[in-house]
Amino acid sequence: MAECIFCKIARKEIPAKIVYEDRQVVAFDDINAQAPVHTLVIPKSHFATFNDVGAEEEALLGHMMLVATRVARDKGLHDKGYRLVANCLESAGQSVFHIHLHLLGGRRFAWPPG
């Protein structure tokens, strides 16, 4: 999907503060941060929602989680705690239709969310 903002970030057509990148994923700081640390982990492949990801992408999804925990460690959150969030569809809060994980930390979070 050529017009997806996250695809453009992954292709470096739009600038972003990238904190991690490999051949499968990119992690970058969210420009609309909801916490002192708010980093997004996206696959370079486009999937609009988690409903569009099949079993053949199991390794990619696991890799996204491992990258999120690595970035959390790099940002000093591994001892303090952090939250990983994945939204699917508008009613759950998804506003960019390219799957992504939110890594949030640096403050106390309430439960239940939302």
N, C-alpha and C. Protein backbone atom coordinates (compact mmCIF):
# COMPACT_ATOMS: atom_id res chain seq x y z
N MET A 1 0.85 -1.18 0.00
CA MET A 1 0.00 0.00 0.00
C MET A 1 0.90 1.24 0.00
N ALA A 2 1.03 1.87 -1.13
CA ALA A 2 1.97 2.97 -1.32
C ALA A 2 1.65 4.20 -0.48
N GLU A 3 0.37 4.43 -0.15
CA GLU A 3 0.00 5.65 0.56
C GLU A 3 0.01 5.51 2.08
N CYS A 4 0.27 4.34 2.61
CA CYS A 4 0.30 4.12 4.05
C CYS A 4 1.47 4.87 4.67
N ILE A 5 1.20 5.67 5.69
CA ILE A 5 2.25 6.47 6.32
C ILE A 5 3.34 5.59 6.92
N PHE A 6 2.97 4.45 7.51
CA PHE A 6 3.97 3.58 8.10
C PHE A 6 4.81 2.90 7.03
N CYS A 7 4.22 2.56 5.89
CA CYS A 7 5.01 2.03 4.78
C CYS A 7 6.02 3.07 4.33
N LYS A 8 5.60 4.33 4.26
CA LYS A 8 6.51 5.40 3.85
C LYS A 8 7.63 5.59 4.85
N ILE A 9 7.34 5.46 6.14
CA ILE A 9 8.39 5.55 7.16
C ILE A 9 9.35 4.38 7.00
N ALA A 10 8.83 3.18 6.79
CA ALA A 10 9.69 2.00 6.61
C ALA A 10 10.60 2.14 5.40
N ARG A 11 10.09 2.80 4.35
CA ARG A 11 10.89 3.02 3.14
C ARG A 11 11.74 4.29 3.22
N LYS A 12 11.66 4.98 4.36
CA LYS A 12 12.41 6.21 4.62
C LYS A 12 12.03 7.35 3.68
N GLU A 13 10.78 7.35 3.26
CA GLU A 13 10.24 8.46 2.46
C GLU A 13 9.72 9.58 3.36
N ILE A 14 9.45 9.26 4.62
CA ILE A 14 9.03 10.22 5.63
C ILE A 14 10.02 10.08 6.79
N PRO A 15 10.53 11.19 7.30
CA PRO A 15 11.49 11.08 8.41
C PRO A 15 10.82 10.62 9.69
N ALA A 16 11.57 9.88 10.47
CA ALA A 16 11.13 9.42 11.78
C ALA A 16 12.38 9.19 12.62
N LYS A 17 12.21 9.26 13.94
CA LYS A 17 13.32 8.96 14.85
C LYS A 17 13.37 7.45 15.04
N ILE A 18 14.10 6.79 14.16
CA ILE A 18 14.20 5.33 14.19
C ILE A 18 15.16 4.92 15.30
N VAL A 19 14.70 4.01 16.16
CA VAL A 19 15.51 3.54 17.27
C VAL A 19 15.98 2.11 17.08
N TYR A 20 15.39 1.40 16.11
CA TYR A 20 15.81 0.04 15.78
C TYR A 20 15.32 -0.28 14.38
N GLU A 21 16.14 -1.03 13.65
CA GLU A 21 15.72 -1.50 12.34
C GLU A 21 16.48 -2.76 11.99
N ASP A 22 15.77 -3.68 11.36
CA ASP A 22 16.40 -4.86 10.77
C ASP A 22 15.65 -5.16 9.47
N ARG A 23 15.85 -6.31 8.89
CA ARG A 23 15.24 -6.59 7.59
C ARG A 23 13.73 -6.79 7.66
N GLN A 24 13.18 -7.04 8.86
CA GLN A 24 11.75 -7.31 9.01
C GLN A 24 10.94 -6.17 9.61
N VAL A 25 11.55 -5.40 10.50
CA VAL A 25 10.79 -4.40 11.26
C VAL A 25 11.55 -3.09 11.39
N VAL A 26 10.79 -2.06 11.76
CA VAL A 26 11.34 -0.75 12.12
C VAL A 26 10.66 -0.33 13.41
N ALA A 27 11.44 0.24 14.33
CA ALA A 27 10.89 0.82 15.56
C ALA A 27 11.26 2.29 15.58
N PHE A 28 10.27 3.12 15.86
CA PHE A 28 10.50 4.57 15.87
C PHE A 28 9.65 5.22 16.95
N ASP A 29 10.11 6.37 17.43
CA ASP A 29 9.39 7.09 18.46
C ASP A 29 8.14 7.74 17.87
N ASP A 30 7.04 7.61 18.60
CA ASP A 30 5.75 8.16 18.17
C ASP A 30 5.79 9.68 18.30
N ILE A 31 5.37 10.40 17.27
CA ILE A 31 5.37 11.86 17.32
C ILE A 31 4.21 12.40 18.15
N ASN A 32 3.25 11.54 18.48
CA ASN A 32 2.13 11.92 19.33
C ASN A 32 2.19 11.09 20.62
N ALA A 33 3.30 11.22 21.33
CA ALA A 33 3.57 10.36 22.48
C ALA A 33 2.51 10.47 23.56
N GLN A 34 2.11 9.32 24.09
CA GLN A 34 1.14 9.24 25.16
C GLN A 34 1.79 8.89 26.49
N ALA A 35 3.11 8.82 26.50
CA ALA A 35 3.89 8.52 27.70
C ALA A 35 5.30 9.04 27.44
N PRO A 36 6.11 9.17 28.50
CA PRO A 36 7.48 9.62 28.29
C PRO A 36 8.25 8.78 27.27
N VAL A 37 7.99 7.49 27.24
CA VAL A 37 8.50 6.61 26.19
C VAL A 37 7.30 6.09 25.42
N HIS A 38 7.27 6.34 24.14
CA HIS A 38 6.20 5.82 23.28
C HIS A 38 6.83 5.52 21.92
N THR A 39 7.12 4.26 21.71
CA THR A 39 7.78 3.79 20.50
C THR A 39 6.85 2.83 19.78
N LEU A 40 6.84 2.90 18.47
CA LEU A 40 6.04 2.00 17.65
C LEU A 40 6.95 0.98 16.99
N VAL A 41 6.53 -0.26 16.95
CA VAL A 41 7.24 -1.33 16.25
C VAL A 41 6.33 -1.78 15.12
N ILE A 42 6.82 -1.64 13.89
CA ILE A 42 6.02 -1.99 12.71
C ILE A 42 6.77 -2.99 11.84
N PRO A 43 6.04 -3.86 11.16
CA PRO A 43 6.70 -4.70 10.17
C PRO A 43 6.92 -3.89 8.90
N LYS A 44 7.93 -4.22 8.15
CA LYS A 44 8.15 -3.57 6.86
C LYS A 44 7.11 -4.03 5.84
N SER A 45 6.56 -5.21 6.03
CA SER A 45 5.48 -5.71 5.18
C SER A 45 4.17 -5.07 5.64
N HIS A 46 3.31 -4.77 4.69
CA HIS A 46 2.04 -4.13 5.04
C HIS A 46 0.95 -5.15 5.33
N PHE A 47 0.35 -5.01 6.51
CA PHE A 47 -0.86 -5.71 6.91
C PHE A 47 -1.73 -4.65 7.54
N ALA A 48 -2.92 -4.42 7.04
CA ALA A 48 -3.76 -3.33 7.54
C ALA A 48 -4.15 -3.54 9.00
N THR A 49 -4.60 -4.74 9.35
CA THR A 49 -5.01 -5.03 10.73
C THR A 49 -4.48 -6.40 11.12
N PHE A 50 -4.56 -6.71 12.41
CA PHE A 50 -4.15 -8.03 12.86
C PHE A 50 -5.07 -9.11 12.31
N ASN A 51 -6.27 -8.75 11.89
CA ASN A 51 -7.16 -9.70 11.24
C ASN A 51 -6.62 -10.17 9.89
N ASP A 52 -5.71 -9.40 9.32
CA ASP A 52 -5.15 -9.71 8.00
C ASP A 52 -3.88 -10.55 8.07
N VAL A 53 -3.43 -10.88 9.27
CA VAL A 53 -2.20 -11.64 9.45
C VAL A 53 -2.55 -13.10 9.62
N GLY A 54 -1.92 -13.95 8.80
CA GLY A 54 -2.18 -15.38 8.87
C GLY A 54 -1.13 -16.12 9.68
N ALA A 55 -1.35 -17.40 9.85
CA ALA A 55 -0.45 -18.25 10.62
C ALA A 55 0.97 -18.24 10.06
N GLU A 56 1.09 -18.00 8.75
CA GLU A 56 2.42 -17.99 8.15
C GLU A 56 3.26 -16.80 8.62
N GLU A 57 2.64 -15.85 9.31
CA GLU A 57 3.37 -14.69 9.84
C GLU A 57 3.65 -14.81 11.33
N GLU A 58 3.50 -16.00 11.88
CA GLU A 58 3.73 -16.21 13.31
C GLU A 58 5.12 -15.76 13.74
N ALA A 59 6.13 -16.09 12.96
CA ALA A 59 7.50 -15.70 13.31
C ALA A 59 7.67 -14.18 13.30
N LEU A 60 7.04 -13.50 12.34
CA LEU A 60 7.11 -12.04 12.28
C LEU A 60 6.49 -11.42 13.52
N LEU A 61 5.32 -11.91 13.93
CA LEU A 61 4.67 -11.37 15.12
C LEU A 61 5.51 -11.58 16.36
N GLY A 62 6.10 -12.76 16.49
CA GLY A 62 7.01 -13.02 17.61
C GLY A 62 8.22 -12.11 17.58
N HIS A 63 8.74 -11.88 16.39
CA HIS A 63 9.90 -10.99 16.24
C HIS A 63 9.54 -9.57 16.67
N MET A 64 8.34 -9.12 16.31
CA MET A 64 7.91 -7.78 16.74
C MET A 64 7.91 -7.67 18.26
N MET A 65 7.44 -8.71 18.95
CA MET A 65 7.43 -8.69 20.42
C MET A 65 8.85 -8.67 20.98
N LEU A 66 9.73 -9.46 20.40
CA LEU A 66 11.12 -9.47 20.87
C LEU A 66 11.81 -8.13 20.63
N VAL A 67 11.54 -7.51 19.50
CA VAL A 67 12.11 -6.19 19.23
C VAL A 67 11.57 -5.18 20.24
N ALA A 68 10.29 -5.24 20.54
CA ALA A 68 9.70 -4.32 21.52
C ALA A 68 10.38 -4.47 22.88
N THR A 69 10.64 -5.70 23.30
CA THR A 69 11.30 -5.89 24.60
C THR A 69 12.75 -5.43 24.54
N ARG A 70 13.41 -5.59 23.41
CA ARG A 70 14.78 -5.09 23.25
C ARG A 70 14.81 -3.57 23.35
N VAL A 71 13.89 -2.90 22.66
CA VAL A 71 13.83 -1.44 22.71
C VAL A 71 13.50 -0.99 24.13
N ALA A 72 12.60 -1.70 24.82
CA ALA A 72 12.30 -1.37 26.22
C ALA A 72 13.56 -1.43 27.07
N ARG A 73 14.35 -2.46 26.88
CA ARG A 73 15.62 -2.58 27.62
C ARG A 73 16.55 -1.43 27.26
N ASP A 74 16.68 -1.13 25.96
CA ASP A 74 17.56 -0.05 25.52
C ASP A 74 17.13 1.30 26.07
N LYS A 75 15.83 1.47 26.32
CA LYS A 75 15.31 2.74 26.84
C LYS A 75 15.23 2.74 28.37
N GLY A 76 15.76 1.71 29.00
CA GLY A 76 15.83 1.67 30.46
C GLY A 76 14.53 1.31 31.15
N LEU A 77 13.63 0.63 30.47
CA LEU A 77 12.33 0.30 31.03
C LEU A 77 12.24 -1.11 31.60
N HIS A 78 13.23 -1.94 31.34
CA HIS A 78 13.10 -3.36 31.68
C HIS A 78 12.95 -3.61 33.18
N ASP A 79 13.46 -2.75 34.05
CA ASP A 79 13.30 -2.92 35.49
C ASP A 79 12.11 -2.14 36.03
N LYS A 80 11.73 -1.07 35.37
CA LYS A 80 10.65 -0.20 35.83
C LYS A 80 9.28 -0.67 35.36
N GLY A 81 9.24 -1.32 34.22
CA GLY A 81 7.99 -1.80 33.65
C GLY A 81 7.59 -1.00 32.43
N TYR A 82 6.79 -1.63 31.60
CA TYR A 82 6.32 -1.01 30.37
C TYR A 82 5.06 -1.74 29.92
N ARG A 83 4.37 -1.14 28.97
CA ARG A 83 3.15 -1.72 28.42
C ARG A 83 3.32 -1.88 26.92
N LEU A 84 2.86 -3.01 26.40
CA LEU A 84 2.79 -3.25 24.96
C LEU A 84 1.32 -3.30 24.58
N VAL A 85 0.95 -2.52 23.56
CA VAL A 85 -0.45 -2.43 23.14
C VAL A 85 -0.52 -2.67 21.64
N ALA A 86 -1.51 -3.43 21.23
CA ALA A 86 -1.83 -3.63 19.82
C ALA A 86 -3.32 -3.40 19.65
N ASN A 87 -3.69 -2.43 18.84
CA ASN A 87 -5.10 -2.12 18.57
C ASN A 87 -5.49 -2.72 17.23
N CYS A 88 -6.73 -3.21 17.15
CA CYS A 88 -7.23 -3.78 15.90
C CYS A 88 -8.60 -3.19 15.60
N LEU A 89 -8.65 -2.38 14.57
CA LEU A 89 -9.83 -1.70 14.07
C LEU A 89 -10.14 -0.43 14.89
N GLU A 90 -10.95 0.43 14.30
CA GLU A 90 -11.20 1.76 14.86
C GLU A 90 -11.78 1.73 16.27
N SER A 91 -12.73 0.85 16.54
CA SER A 91 -13.36 0.84 17.86
C SER A 91 -12.39 0.47 18.97
N ALA A 92 -11.28 -0.15 18.61
CA ALA A 92 -10.24 -0.48 19.59
C ALA A 92 -9.15 0.58 19.65
N GLY A 93 -9.25 1.60 18.79
CA GLY A 93 -8.28 2.69 18.83
C GLY A 93 -7.28 2.69 17.69
N GLN A 94 -7.40 1.78 16.72
CA GLN A 94 -6.47 1.78 15.61
C GLN A 94 -6.76 2.96 14.70
N SER A 95 -5.74 3.81 14.50
CA SER A 95 -5.93 4.99 13.64
C SER A 95 -5.07 4.92 12.38
N VAL A 96 -4.00 4.14 12.41
CA VAL A 96 -3.18 3.90 11.22
C VAL A 96 -3.35 2.43 10.87
N PHE A 97 -3.79 2.17 9.66
CA PHE A 97 -4.10 0.80 9.27
C PHE A 97 -2.89 0.12 8.64
N HIS A 98 -1.93 -0.15 9.52
CA HIS A 98 -0.71 -0.92 9.28
C HIS A 98 -0.40 -1.46 10.67
N ILE A 99 -0.37 -2.78 10.83
CA ILE A 99 -0.21 -3.33 12.18
C ILE A 99 1.02 -2.75 12.86
N HIS A 100 0.89 -2.58 14.16
CA HIS A 100 1.99 -2.03 14.95
C HIS A 100 1.78 -2.32 16.42
N LEU A 101 2.88 -2.33 17.14
CA LEU A 101 2.85 -2.43 18.60
C LEU A 101 3.24 -1.07 19.15
N HIS A 102 2.54 -0.66 20.21
CA HIS A 102 2.93 0.52 20.96
C HIS A 102 3.73 0.04 22.17
N LEU A 103 4.92 0.55 22.35
CA LEU A 103 5.71 0.35 23.56
C LEU A 103 5.58 1.63 24.36
N LEU A 104 4.99 1.52 25.55
CA LEU A 104 4.74 2.68 26.40
C LEU A 104 5.42 2.49 27.74
N GLY A 105 6.04 3.53 28.25
CA GLY A 105 6.69 3.44 29.55
C GLY A 105 7.09 4.80 30.07
N GLY A 106 7.68 4.77 31.27
CA GLY A 106 8.16 6.00 31.88
C GLY A 106 7.16 6.67 32.79
N ARG A 107 5.99 6.07 32.98
CA ARG A 107 4.99 6.57 33.93
C ARG A 107 4.12 5.40 34.37
N ARG A 108 3.34 5.60 35.42
CA ARG A 108 2.42 4.57 35.91
C ARG A 108 1.19 4.55 35.02
N PHE A 109 0.70 3.36 34.74
CA PHE A 109 -0.49 3.18 33.91
C PHE A 109 -1.62 2.62 34.78
N ALA A 110 -2.83 3.02 34.45
CA ALA A 110 -4.00 2.51 35.17
C ALA A 110 -4.51 1.24 34.50
N TRP A 111 -5.28 0.48 35.25
CA TRP A 111 -5.94 -0.70 34.70
C TRP A 111 -7.37 -0.74 35.20
N PRO A 112 -8.35 -0.98 34.43
CA PRO A 112 -8.24 -1.32 33.02
C PRO A 112 -7.98 -0.07 32.17
N PRO A 113 -7.36 -0.26 31.01
CA PRO A 113 -7.10 0.86 30.13
C PRO A 113 -8.39 1.35 29.45
N GLY A 114 -8.33 2.54 28.92
CA GLY A 114 -9.42 3.08 28.11
C GLY A 114 -10.64 3.34 28.88
